[in-house]
Every structure is written in structure tokens, then in C-alpha cells.
Amino acid sequence: LLEKDSLDLAIEELEIHADEFNGYTGGEVAQFGLASAYF
């Protein structure tokens, strides 16, 4: 979704994963992707 510039949907999706998997590799990547979407 981020790559397709569907930013609101990407933020919604990545917020969930960043919170659910905080501390795991994927959770940190989700947070990075979330920051990218906000940017």
C-alpha cells in the first residue's frame, strides 16, 4: 500500500503491525514504513 501511495490505508495497516510486533524485526520495519507514509 505504501509503494502504491495508498497512504491512509498504509498508515492504518502499518500502525497495527508496528504495535503488535514491537521489538521484532517486522515490527521495526513496519514503524519505518509508517514513518515513510507520514513523510
PDB file of all heavy atoms in Angstrom:
ATOM      1  N   LEU A   1       0.830  -1.202   0.000  1.00  0.00           N
ATOM      2  CA  LEU A   1       0.000   0.000   0.000  1.00  0.00           C
ATOM      3  C   LEU A   1       0.867   1.256   0.000  1.00  0.00           C
ATOM      4  O   LEU A   1       0.555   2.246  -0.669  1.00  0.00           O
ATOM      5  CB  LEU A   1      -0.920  -0.002   1.230  1.00  0.00           C
ATOM      6  CG  LEU A   1      -2.058  -1.028   1.213  1.00  0.00           C
ATOM      7  CD1 LEU A   1      -2.701  -1.126   2.596  1.00  0.00           C
ATOM      8  CD2 LEU A   1      -3.107  -0.643   0.169  1.00  0.00           C
ATOM      9  N   LEU A   2       1.966   1.198   0.742  1.00  0.00           N
ATOM     10  CA  LEU A   2       2.893   2.324   0.778  1.00  0.00           C
ATOM     11  C   LEU A   2       3.501   2.562  -0.592  1.00  0.00           C
ATOM     12  O   LEU A   2       3.594   3.704  -1.062  1.00  0.00           O
ATOM     13  CB  LEU A   2       3.993   2.054   1.810  1.00  0.00           C
ATOM     14  CG  LEU A   2       5.111   3.095   1.936  1.00  0.00           C
ATOM     15  CD1 LEU A   2       4.541   4.441   2.353  1.00  0.00           C
ATOM     16  CD2 LEU A   2       6.154   2.621   2.939  1.00  0.00           C
ATOM     17  N   GLU A   3       3.910   1.496  -1.251  1.00  0.00           N
ATOM     18  CA  GLU A   3       4.506   1.620  -2.583  1.00  0.00           C
ATOM     19  C   GLU A   3       3.512   2.150  -3.607  1.00  0.00           C
ATOM     20  O   GLU A   3       3.894   2.815  -4.568  1.00  0.00           O
ATOM     21  CB  GLU A   3       5.043   0.250  -3.035  1.00  0.00           C
ATOM     22  CG  GLU A   3       6.251  -0.224  -2.248  1.00  0.00           C
ATOM     23  CD  GLU A   3       7.435   0.706  -2.408  1.00  0.00           C
ATOM     24  OE1 GLU A   3       7.799   1.004  -3.551  1.00  0.00           O
ATOM     25  OE2 GLU A   3       7.980   1.161  -1.392  1.00  0.00           O
ATOM     26  N   LYS A   4       2.219   1.871  -3.382  1.00  0.00           N
ATOM     27  CA  LYS A   4       1.180   2.342  -4.304  1.00  0.00           C
ATOM     28  C   LYS A   4       0.665   3.723  -3.932  1.00  0.00           C
ATOM     29  O   LYS A   4      -0.262   4.232  -4.558  1.00  0.00           O
ATOM     30  CB  LYS A   4       0.015   1.352  -4.324  1.00  0.00           C
ATOM     31  CG  LYS A   4       0.361  -0.001  -4.936  1.00  0.00           C
ATOM     32  CD  LYS A   4      -0.837  -0.950  -4.879  1.00  0.00           C
ATOM     33  CE  LYS A   4      -0.497  -2.296  -5.493  1.00  0.00           C
ATOM     34  NZ  LYS A   4      -1.642  -3.239  -5.418  1.00  0.00           N
ATOM     35  N   ASP A   5       1.260   4.330  -2.893  1.00  0.00           N
ATOM     36  CA  ASP A   5       0.848   5.648  -2.412  1.00  0.00           C
ATOM     37  C   ASP A   5      -0.579   5.670  -1.872  1.00  0.00           C
ATOM     38  O   ASP A   5      -1.214   6.732  -1.839  1.00  0.00           O
ATOM     39  CB  ASP A   5       1.003   6.720  -3.504  1.00  0.00           C
ATOM     40  CG  ASP A   5       2.471   7.085  -3.735  1.00  0.00           C
ATOM     41  OD1 ASP A   5       3.266   6.955  -2.790  1.00  0.00           O
ATOM     42  OD2 ASP A   5       2.807   7.493  -4.857  1.00  0.00           O
ATOM     43  N   SER A   6      -1.069   4.502  -1.439  1.00  0.00           N
ATOM     44  CA  SER A   6      -2.346   4.465  -0.717  1.00  0.00           C
ATOM     45  C   SER A   6      -2.026   4.741   0.749  1.00  0.00           C
ATOM     46  O   SER A   6      -2.058   3.842   1.605  1.00  0.00           O
ATOM     47  CB  SER A   6      -3.020   3.100  -0.896  1.00  0.00           C
ATOM     48  OG  SER A   6      -3.278   2.836  -2.258  1.00  0.00           O
ATOM     49  N   LEU A   7      -1.719   5.999   1.042  1.00  0.00           N
ATOM     50  CA  LEU A   7      -1.057   6.335   2.295  1.00  0.00           C
ATOM     51  C   LEU A   7      -1.937   6.139   3.528  1.00  0.00           C
ATOM     52  O   LEU A   7      -1.468   5.657   4.564  1.00  0.00           O
ATOM     53  CB  LEU A   7      -0.528   7.765   2.230  1.00  0.00           C
ATOM     54  CG  LEU A   7       0.487   8.015   1.100  1.00  0.00           C
ATOM     55  CD1 LEU A   7       0.950   9.469   1.113  1.00  0.00           C
ATOM     56  CD2 LEU A   7       1.679   7.076   1.232  1.00  0.00           C
ATOM     57  N   ASP A   8      -3.205   6.541   3.454  1.00  0.00           N
ATOM     58  CA  ASP A   8      -4.078   6.382   4.621  1.00  0.00           C
ATOM     59  C   ASP A   8      -4.264   4.908   4.973  1.00  0.00           C
ATOM     60  O   ASP A   8      -4.232   4.530   6.156  1.00  0.00           O
ATOM     61  CB  ASP A   8      -5.438   7.035   4.365  1.00  0.00           C
ATOM     62  CG  ASP A   8      -5.343   8.552   4.329  1.00  0.00           C
ATOM     63  OD1 ASP A   8      -4.455   9.105   5.018  1.00  0.00           O
ATOM     64  OD2 ASP A   8      -6.155   9.184   3.624  1.00  0.00           O
ATOM     65  N   LEU A   9      -4.454   4.079   3.951  1.00  0.00           N
ATOM     66  CA  LEU A   9      -4.598   2.644   4.188  1.00  0.00           C
ATOM     67  C   LEU A   9      -3.293   2.040   4.694  1.00  0.00           C
ATOM     68  O   LEU A   9      -3.294   1.171   5.573  1.00  0.00           O
ATOM     69  CB  LEU A   9      -5.040   1.940   2.904  1.00  0.00           C
ATOM     70  CG  LEU A   9      -6.454   2.238   2.424  1.00  0.00           C
ATOM     71  CD1 LEU A   9      -6.707   1.587   1.061  1.00  0.00           C
ATOM     72  CD2 LEU A   9      -7.483   1.749   3.443  1.00  0.00           C
ATOM     73  N   ALA A  10      -2.168   2.509   4.142  1.00  0.00           N
ATOM     74  CA  ALA A  10      -0.863   2.020   4.589  1.00  0.00           C
ATOM     75  C   ALA A  10      -0.627   2.361   6.050  1.00  0.00           C
ATOM     76  O   ALA A  10      -0.152   1.531   6.832  1.00  0.00           O
ATOM     77  CB  ALA A  10       0.243   2.618   3.718  1.00  0.00           C
ATOM     78  N   ILE A  11      -0.968   3.600   6.439  1.00  0.00           N
ATOM     79  CA  ILE A  11      -0.800   4.019   7.829  1.00  0.00           C
ATOM     80  C   ILE A  11      -1.643   3.162   8.760  1.00  0.00           C
ATOM     81  O   ILE A  11      -1.173   2.695   9.804  1.00  0.00           O
ATOM     82  CB  ILE A  11      -1.156   5.514   7.980  1.00  0.00           C
ATOM     83  CG1 ILE A  11      -0.062   6.374   7.329  1.00  0.00           C
ATOM     84  CG2 ILE A  11      -1.337   5.889   9.443  1.00  0.00           C
ATOM     85  CD1 ILE A  11      -0.415   7.836   7.218  1.00  0.00           C
ATOM     86  N   GLU A  12      -2.885   2.934   8.370  1.00  0.00           N
ATOM     87  CA  GLU A  12      -3.778   2.108   9.190  1.00  0.00           C
ATOM     88  C   GLU A  12      -3.215   0.700   9.379  1.00  0.00           C
ATOM     89  O   GLU A  12      -3.225   0.143  10.484  1.00  0.00           O
ATOM     90  CB  GLU A  12      -5.158   2.050   8.528  1.00  0.00           C
ATOM     91  CG  GLU A  12      -6.190   1.247   9.299  1.00  0.00           C
ATOM     92  CD  GLU A  12      -7.545   1.238   8.619  1.00  0.00           C
ATOM     93  OE1 GLU A  12      -7.788   2.097   7.733  1.00  0.00           O
ATOM     94  OE2 GLU A  12      -8.370   0.369   8.968  1.00  0.00           O
ATOM     95  N   GLU A  13      -2.723   0.129   8.296  1.00  0.00           N
ATOM     96  CA  GLU A  13      -2.189  -1.234   8.331  1.00  0.00           C
ATOM     97  C   GLU A  13      -0.895  -1.307   9.135  1.00  0.00           C
ATOM     98  O   GLU A  13      -0.707  -2.182   9.993  1.00  0.00           O
ATOM     99  CB  GLU A  13      -1.937  -1.709   6.898  1.00  0.00           C
ATOM    100  CG  GLU A  13      -1.592  -3.176   6.758  1.00  0.00           C
ATOM    101  CD  GLU A  13      -2.815  -4.074   6.789  1.00  0.00           C
ATOM    102  OE1 GLU A  13      -3.946  -3.576   6.656  1.00  0.00           O
ATOM    103  OE2 GLU A  13      -2.620  -5.297   6.942  1.00  0.00           O
ATOM    104  N   LEU A  14       0.009  -0.384   8.867  1.00  0.00           N
ATOM    105  CA  LEU A  14       1.325  -0.437   9.490  1.00  0.00           C
ATOM    106  C   LEU A  14       1.288  -0.073  10.968  1.00  0.00           C
ATOM    107  O   LEU A  14       2.102  -0.569  11.753  1.00  0.00           O
ATOM    108  CB  LEU A  14       2.280   0.488   8.738  1.00  0.00           C
ATOM    109  CG  LEU A  14       2.634   0.026   7.317  1.00  0.00           C
ATOM    110  CD1 LEU A  14       3.332   1.141   6.539  1.00  0.00           C
ATOM    111  CD2 LEU A  14       3.501  -1.232   7.351  1.00  0.00           C
ATOM    112  N   GLU A  15       0.350   0.773  11.366  1.00  0.00           N
ATOM    113  CA  GLU A  15       0.206   1.103  12.785  1.00  0.00           C
ATOM    114  C   GLU A  15      -0.102  -0.153  13.595  1.00  0.00           C
ATOM    115  O   GLU A  15       0.432  -0.348  14.691  1.00  0.00           O
ATOM    116  CB  GLU A  15      -0.909   2.132  12.984  1.00  0.00           C
ATOM    117  CG  GLU A  15      -0.485   3.563  12.741  1.00  0.00           C
ATOM    118  CD  GLU A  15      -1.612   4.545  12.979  1.00  0.00           C
ATOM    119  OE1 GLU A  15      -2.795   4.119  12.960  1.00  0.00           O
ATOM    120  OE2 GLU A  15      -1.334   5.733  13.181  1.00  0.00           O
ATOM    121  N   ILE A  16      -0.956  -0.992  13.048  1.00  0.00           N
ATOM    122  CA  ILE A  16      -1.333  -2.233  13.733  1.00  0.00           C
ATOM    123  C   ILE A  16      -0.126  -3.133  13.913  1.00  0.00           C
ATOM    124  O   ILE A  16       0.135  -3.638  15.009  1.00  0.00           O
ATOM    125  CB  ILE A  16      -2.441  -2.970  12.937  1.00  0.00           C
ATOM    126  CG1 ILE A  16      -3.726  -2.139  12.925  1.00  0.00           C
ATOM    127  CG2 ILE A  16      -2.691  -4.353  13.527  1.00  0.00           C
ATOM    128  CD1 ILE A  16      -4.790  -2.681  11.992  1.00  0.00           C
ATOM    129  N   HIS A  17       0.636  -3.327  12.848  1.00  0.00           N
ATOM    130  CA  HIS A  17       1.768  -4.250  12.903  1.00  0.00           C
ATOM    131  C   HIS A  17       2.928  -3.690  13.726  1.00  0.00           C
ATOM    132  O   HIS A  17       3.620  -4.436  14.413  1.00  0.00           O
ATOM    133  CB  HIS A  17       2.229  -4.600  11.487  1.00  0.00           C
ATOM    134  CG  HIS A  17       1.180  -5.287  10.674  1.00  0.00           C
ATOM    135  ND1 HIS A  17       0.408  -6.312  11.176  1.00  0.00           N
ATOM    136  CD2 HIS A  17       0.747  -5.082   9.396  1.00  0.00           C
ATOM    137  CE1 HIS A  17      -0.449  -6.723  10.248  1.00  0.00           C
ATOM    138  NE2 HIS A  17      -0.259  -5.989   9.165  1.00  0.00           N
ATOM    139  N   ALA A  18       3.120  -2.380  13.673  1.00  0.00           N
ATOM    140  CA  ALA A  18       4.179  -1.767  14.461  1.00  0.00           C
ATOM    141  C   ALA A  18       3.917  -1.959  15.946  1.00  0.00           C
ATOM    142  O   ALA A  18       4.840  -2.204  16.736  1.00  0.00           O
ATOM    143  CB  ALA A  18       4.302  -0.284  14.126  1.00  0.00           C
ATOM    144  N   ASP A  19       2.663  -1.870  16.323  1.00  0.00           N
ATOM    145  CA  ASP A  19       2.297  -2.045  17.730  1.00  0.00           C
ATOM    146  C   ASP A  19       2.303  -3.517  18.128  1.00  0.00           C
ATOM    147  O   ASP A  19       2.839  -3.890  19.172  1.00  0.00           O
ATOM    148  CB  ASP A  19       0.910  -1.445  17.975  1.00  0.00           C
ATOM    149  CG  ASP A  19       0.480  -1.563  19.427  1.00  0.00           C
ATOM    150  OD1 ASP A  19       1.150  -0.973  20.290  1.00  0.00           O
ATOM    151  OD2 ASP A  19      -0.522  -2.254  19.696  1.00  0.00           O
ATOM    152  N   GLU A  20       1.732  -4.371  17.293  1.00  0.00           N
ATOM    153  CA  GLU A  20       1.599  -5.789  17.627  1.00  0.00           C
ATOM    154  C   GLU A  20       2.941  -6.494  17.694  1.00  0.00           C
ATOM    155  O   GLU A  20       3.150  -7.377  18.533  1.00  0.00           O
ATOM    156  CB  GLU A  20       0.713  -6.481  16.589  1.00  0.00           C
ATOM    157  CG  GLU A  20       0.456  -7.958  16.881  1.00  0.00           C
ATOM    158  CD  GLU A  20      -0.488  -8.594  15.880  1.00  0.00           C
ATOM    159  OE1 GLU A  20      -0.961  -7.875  14.967  1.00  0.00           O
ATOM    160  OE2 GLU A  20      -0.743  -9.804  16.007  1.00  0.00           O
ATOM    161  N   PHE A  21       3.874  -6.115  16.819  1.00  0.00           N
ATOM    162  CA  PHE A  21       5.165  -6.806  16.748  1.00  0.00           C
ATOM    163  C   PHE A  21       6.325  -5.898  17.150  1.00  0.00           C
ATOM    164  O   PHE A  21       7.429  -6.038  16.648  1.00  0.00           O
ATOM    165  CB  PHE A  21       5.378  -7.351  15.339  1.00  0.00           C
ATOM    166  CG  PHE A  21       4.382  -8.413  14.958  1.00  0.00           C
ATOM    167  CD1 PHE A  21       3.357  -8.128  14.066  1.00  0.00           C
ATOM    168  CD2 PHE A  21       4.457  -9.681  15.515  1.00  0.00           C
ATOM    169  CE1 PHE A  21       2.431  -9.105  13.724  1.00  0.00           C
ATOM    170  CE2 PHE A  21       3.525 -10.660  15.173  1.00  0.00           C
ATOM    171  CZ  PHE A  21       2.516 -10.370  14.284  1.00  0.00           C
ATOM    172  N   ASN A  22       6.041  -4.989  18.062  1.00  0.00           N
ATOM    173  CA  ASN A  22       7.086  -4.104  18.564  1.00  0.00           C
ATOM    174  C   ASN A  22       8.234  -4.923  19.162  1.00  0.00           C
ATOM    175  O   ASN A  22       8.017  -5.807  19.985  1.00  0.00           O
ATOM    176  CB  ASN A  22       6.507  -3.177  19.638  1.00  0.00           C
ATOM    177  CG  ASN A  22       7.532  -2.175  20.139  1.00  0.00           C
ATOM    178  OD1 ASN A  22       8.395  -1.729  19.398  1.00  0.00           O
ATOM    179  ND2 ASN A  22       7.442  -1.839  21.406  1.00  0.00           N
ATOM    180  N   GLY A  23       9.462  -4.639  18.736  1.00  0.00           N
ATOM    181  CA  GLY A  23      10.623  -5.377  19.221  1.00  0.00           C
ATOM    182  C   GLY A  23      11.087  -6.474  18.287  1.00  0.00           C
ATOM    183  O   GLY A  23      12.221  -6.930  18.396  1.00  0.00           O
ATOM    184  N   TYR A  24      10.226  -6.894  17.388  1.00  0.00           N
ATOM    185  CA  TYR A  24      10.611  -7.876  16.371  1.00  0.00           C
ATOM    186  C   TYR A  24      11.008  -7.137  15.094  1.00  0.00           C
ATOM    187  O   TYR A  24      10.644  -5.986  14.883  1.00  0.00           O
ATOM    188  CB  TYR A  24       9.463  -8.844  16.080  1.00  0.00           C
ATOM    189  CG  TYR A  24       9.158  -9.768  17.231  1.00  0.00           C
ATOM    190  CD1 TYR A  24       8.135  -9.472  18.130  1.00  0.00           C
ATOM    191  CD2 TYR A  24       9.902 -10.933  17.428  1.00  0.00           C
ATOM    192  CE1 TYR A  24       7.854 -10.311  19.188  1.00  0.00           C
ATOM    193  CE2 TYR A  24       9.626 -11.780  18.491  1.00  0.00           C
ATOM    194  CZ  TYR A  24       8.605 -11.468  19.366  1.00  0.00           C
ATOM    195  OH  TYR A  24       8.333 -12.290  20.426  1.00  0.00           O
ATOM    196  N   THR A  25      11.755  -7.829  14.249  1.00  0.00           N
ATOM    197  CA  THR A  25      12.238  -7.203  13.019  1.00  0.00           C
ATOM    198  C   THR A  25      11.101  -6.588  12.218  1.00  0.00           C
ATOM    199  O   THR A  25      11.169  -5.430  11.800  1.00  0.00           O
ATOM    200  CB  THR A  25      12.979  -8.240  12.144  1.00  0.00           C
ATOM    201  OG1 THR A  25      14.070  -8.774  12.886  1.00  0.00           O
ATOM    202  CG2 THR A  25      13.490  -7.601  10.866  1.00  0.00           C
ATOM    203  N   GLY A  26      10.048  -7.369  12.011  1.00  0.00           N
ATOM    204  CA  GLY A  26       8.932  -6.877  11.207  1.00  0.00           C
ATOM    205  C   GLY A  26       8.240  -5.682  11.820  1.00  0.00           C
ATOM    206  O   GLY A  26       7.762  -4.791  11.113  1.00  0.00           O
ATOM    207  N   GLY A  27       8.170  -5.657  13.154  1.00  0.00           N
ATOM    208  CA  GLY A  27       7.552  -4.526  13.832  1.00  0.00           C
ATOM    209  C   GLY A  27       8.337  -3.243  13.626  1.00  0.00           C
ATOM    210  O   GLY A  27       7.761  -2.162  13.428  1.00  0.00           O
ATOM    211  N   GLU A  28       9.666  -3.363  13.667  1.00  0.00           N
ATOM    212  CA  GLU A  28      10.507  -2.187  13.452  1.00  0.00           C
ATOM    213  C   GLU A  28      10.442  -1.727  12.001  1.00  0.00           C
ATOM    214  O   GLU A  28      10.444  -0.530  11.712  1.00  0.00           O
ATOM    215  CB  GLU A  28      11.952  -2.488  13.854  1.00  0.00           C
ATOM    216  CG  GLU A  28      12.125  -2.889  15.318  1.00  0.00           C
ATOM    217  CD  GLU A  28      11.579  -1.843  16.276  1.00  0.00           C
ATOM    218  OE1 GLU A  28      11.877  -0.651  16.100  1.00  0.00           O
ATOM    219  OE2 GLU A  28      10.838  -2.221  17.207  1.00  0.00           O
ATOM    220  N   VAL A  29      10.373  -2.688  11.069  1.00  0.00           N
ATOM    221  CA  VAL A  29      10.223  -2.342   9.660  1.00  0.00           C
ATOM    222  C   VAL A  29       8.871  -1.667   9.428  1.00  0.00           C
ATOM    223  O   VAL A  29       8.771  -0.695   8.669  1.00  0.00           O
ATOM    224  CB  VAL A  29      10.368  -3.582   8.764  1.00  0.00           C
ATOM    225  CG1 VAL A  29      10.022  -3.253   7.315  1.00  0.00           C
ATOM    226  CG2 VAL A  29      11.779  -4.126   8.841  1.00  0.00           C
ATOM    227  N   ALA A  30       7.829  -2.167  10.111  1.00  0.00           N
ATOM    228  CA  ALA A  30       6.511  -1.547   9.992  1.00  0.00           C
ATOM    229  C   ALA A  30       6.556  -0.104  10.473  1.00  0.00           C
ATOM    230  O   ALA A  30       5.951   0.787   9.870  1.00  0.00           O
ATOM    231  CB  ALA A  30       5.483  -2.340  10.800  1.00  0.00           C
ATOM    232  N   GLN A  31       7.286   0.150  11.541  1.00  0.00           N
ATOM    233  CA  GLN A  31       7.387   1.509  12.058  1.00  0.00           C
ATOM    234  C   GLN A  31       8.150   2.416  11.097  1.00  0.00           C
ATOM    235  O   GLN A  31       7.796   3.583  10.911  1.00  0.00           O
ATOM    236  CB  GLN A  31       8.066   1.499  13.428  1.00  0.00           C
ATOM    237  CG  GLN A  31       7.922   2.803  14.179  1.00  0.00           C
ATOM    238  CD  GLN A  31       8.187   2.650  15.663  1.00  0.00           C
ATOM    239  OE1 GLN A  31       8.086   1.560  16.216  1.00  0.00           O
ATOM    240  NE2 GLN A  31       8.520   3.745  16.308  1.00  0.00           N
ATOM    241  N   PHE A  32       9.185   1.862  10.482  1.00  0.00           N
ATOM    242  CA  PHE A  32       9.923   2.620   9.463  1.00  0.00           C
ATOM    243  C   PHE A  32       9.008   2.939   8.280  1.00  0.00           C
ATOM    244  O   PHE A  32       8.999   4.058   7.759  1.00  0.00           O
ATOM    245  CB  PHE A  32      11.134   1.814   9.000  1.00  0.00           C
ATOM    246  CG  PHE A  32      11.928   2.467   7.905  1.00  0.00           C
ATOM    247  CD1 PHE A  32      12.755   3.546   8.172  1.00  0.00           C
ATOM    248  CD2 PHE A  32      11.847   2.009   6.595  1.00  0.00           C
ATOM    249  CE1 PHE A  32      13.486   4.157   7.161  1.00  0.00           C
ATOM    250  CE2 PHE A  32      12.576   2.608   5.588  1.00  0.00           C
ATOM    251  CZ  PHE A  32      13.396   3.684   5.874  1.00  0.00           C
ATOM    252  N   GLY A  33       8.232   1.941   7.851  1.00  0.00           N
ATOM    253  CA  GLY A  33       7.282   2.160   6.761  1.00  0.00           C
ATOM    254  C   GLY A  33       6.224   3.183   7.140  1.00  0.00           C
ATOM    255  O   GLY A  33       5.812   4.009   6.318  1.00  0.00           O
ATOM    256  N   LEU A  34       5.791   3.141   8.408  1.00  0.00           N
ATOM    257  CA  LEU A  34       4.810   4.092   8.906  1.00  0.00           C
ATOM    258  C   LEU A  34       5.359   5.512   8.837  1.00  0.00           C
ATOM    259  O   LEU A  34       4.672   6.446   8.398  1.00  0.00           O
ATOM    260  CB  LEU A  34       4.440   3.729  10.344  1.00  0.00           C
ATOM    261  CG  LEU A  34       3.374   4.566  11.038  1.00  0.00           C
ATOM    262  CD1 LEU A  34       2.052   4.506  10.279  1.00  0.00           C
ATOM    263  CD2 LEU A  34       3.180   4.073  12.478  1.00  0.00           C
ATOM    264  N   ALA A  35       6.609   5.677   9.253  1.00  0.00           N
ATOM    265  CA  ALA A  35       7.256   6.998   9.165  1.00  0.00           C
ATOM    266  C   ALA A  35       7.344   7.456   7.711  1.00  0.00           C
ATOM    267  O   ALA A  35       7.131   8.636   7.405  1.00  0.00           O
ATOM    268  CB  ALA A  35       8.644   6.942   9.794  1.00  0.00           C
ATOM    269  N   SER A  36       7.644   6.518   6.810  1.00  0.00           N
ATOM    270  CA  SER A  36       7.716   6.846   5.379  1.00  0.00           C
ATOM    271  C   SER A  36       6.371   7.341   4.868  1.00  0.00           C
ATOM    272  O   SER A  36       6.309   8.284   4.070  1.00  0.00           O
ATOM    273  CB  SER A  36       8.163   5.620   4.579  1.00  0.00           C
ATOM    274  OG  SER A  36       9.422   5.165   5.004  1.00  0.00           O
ATOM    275  N   ALA A  37       5.291   6.692   5.324  1.00  0.00           N
ATOM    276  CA  ALA A  37       3.947   7.090   4.895  1.00  0.00           C
ATOM    277  C   ALA A  37       3.610   8.490   5.401  1.00  0.00           C
ATOM    278  O   ALA A  37       3.060   9.318   4.663  1.00  0.00           O
ATOM    279  CB  ALA A  37       2.919   6.078   5.391  1.00  0.00           C
ATOM    280  N   TYR A  38       3.937   8.759   6.655  1.00  0.00           N
ATOM    281  CA  TYR A  38       3.702  10.101   7.192  1.00  0.00           C
ATOM    282  C   TYR A  38       4.492  11.148   6.404  1.00  0.00           C
ATOM    283  O   TYR A  38       3.990  12.238   6.117  1.00  0.00           O
ATOM    284  CB  TYR A  38       4.101  10.167   8.667  1.00  0.00           C
ATOM    285  CG  TYR A  38       3.134   9.499   9.620  1.00  0.00           C
ATOM    286  CD1 TYR A  38       3.590   8.618  10.599  1.00  0.00           C
ATOM    287  CD2 TYR A  38       1.767   9.768   9.567  1.00  0.00           C
ATOM    288  CE1 TYR A  38       2.713   8.011  11.484  1.00  0.00           C
ATOM    289  CE2 TYR A  38       0.882   9.158  10.440  1.00  0.00           C
ATOM    290  CZ  TYR A  38       1.361   8.286  11.402  1.00  0.00           C
ATOM    291  OH  TYR A  38       0.487   7.692  12.280  1.00  0.00           O
ATOM    292  N   PHE A  39       5.730  10.801   6.076  1.00  0.00           N
ATOM    293  CA  PHE A  39       6.569  11.738   5.317  1.00  0.00           C
ATOM    294  C   PHE A  39       5.955  12.019   3.950  1.00  0.00           C
ATOM    295  O   PHE A  39       5.875  13.175   3.512  1.00  0.00           O
ATOM    296  CB  PHE A  39       7.982  11.178   5.164  1.00  0.00           C
ATOM    297  CG  PHE A  39       8.924  12.113   4.462  1.00  0.00           C
ATOM    298  CD1 PHE A  39       9.614  13.082   5.172  1.00  0.00           C
ATOM    299  CD2 PHE A  39       9.107  12.039   3.087  1.00  0.00           C
ATOM    300  CE1 PHE A  39      10.474  13.971   4.519  1.00  0.00           C
ATOM    301  CE2 PHE A  39       9.953  12.921   2.432  1.00  0.00           C
ATOM    302  CZ  PHE A  39      10.639  13.887   3.155  1.00  0.00           C
TER     303      PHE A  39
END
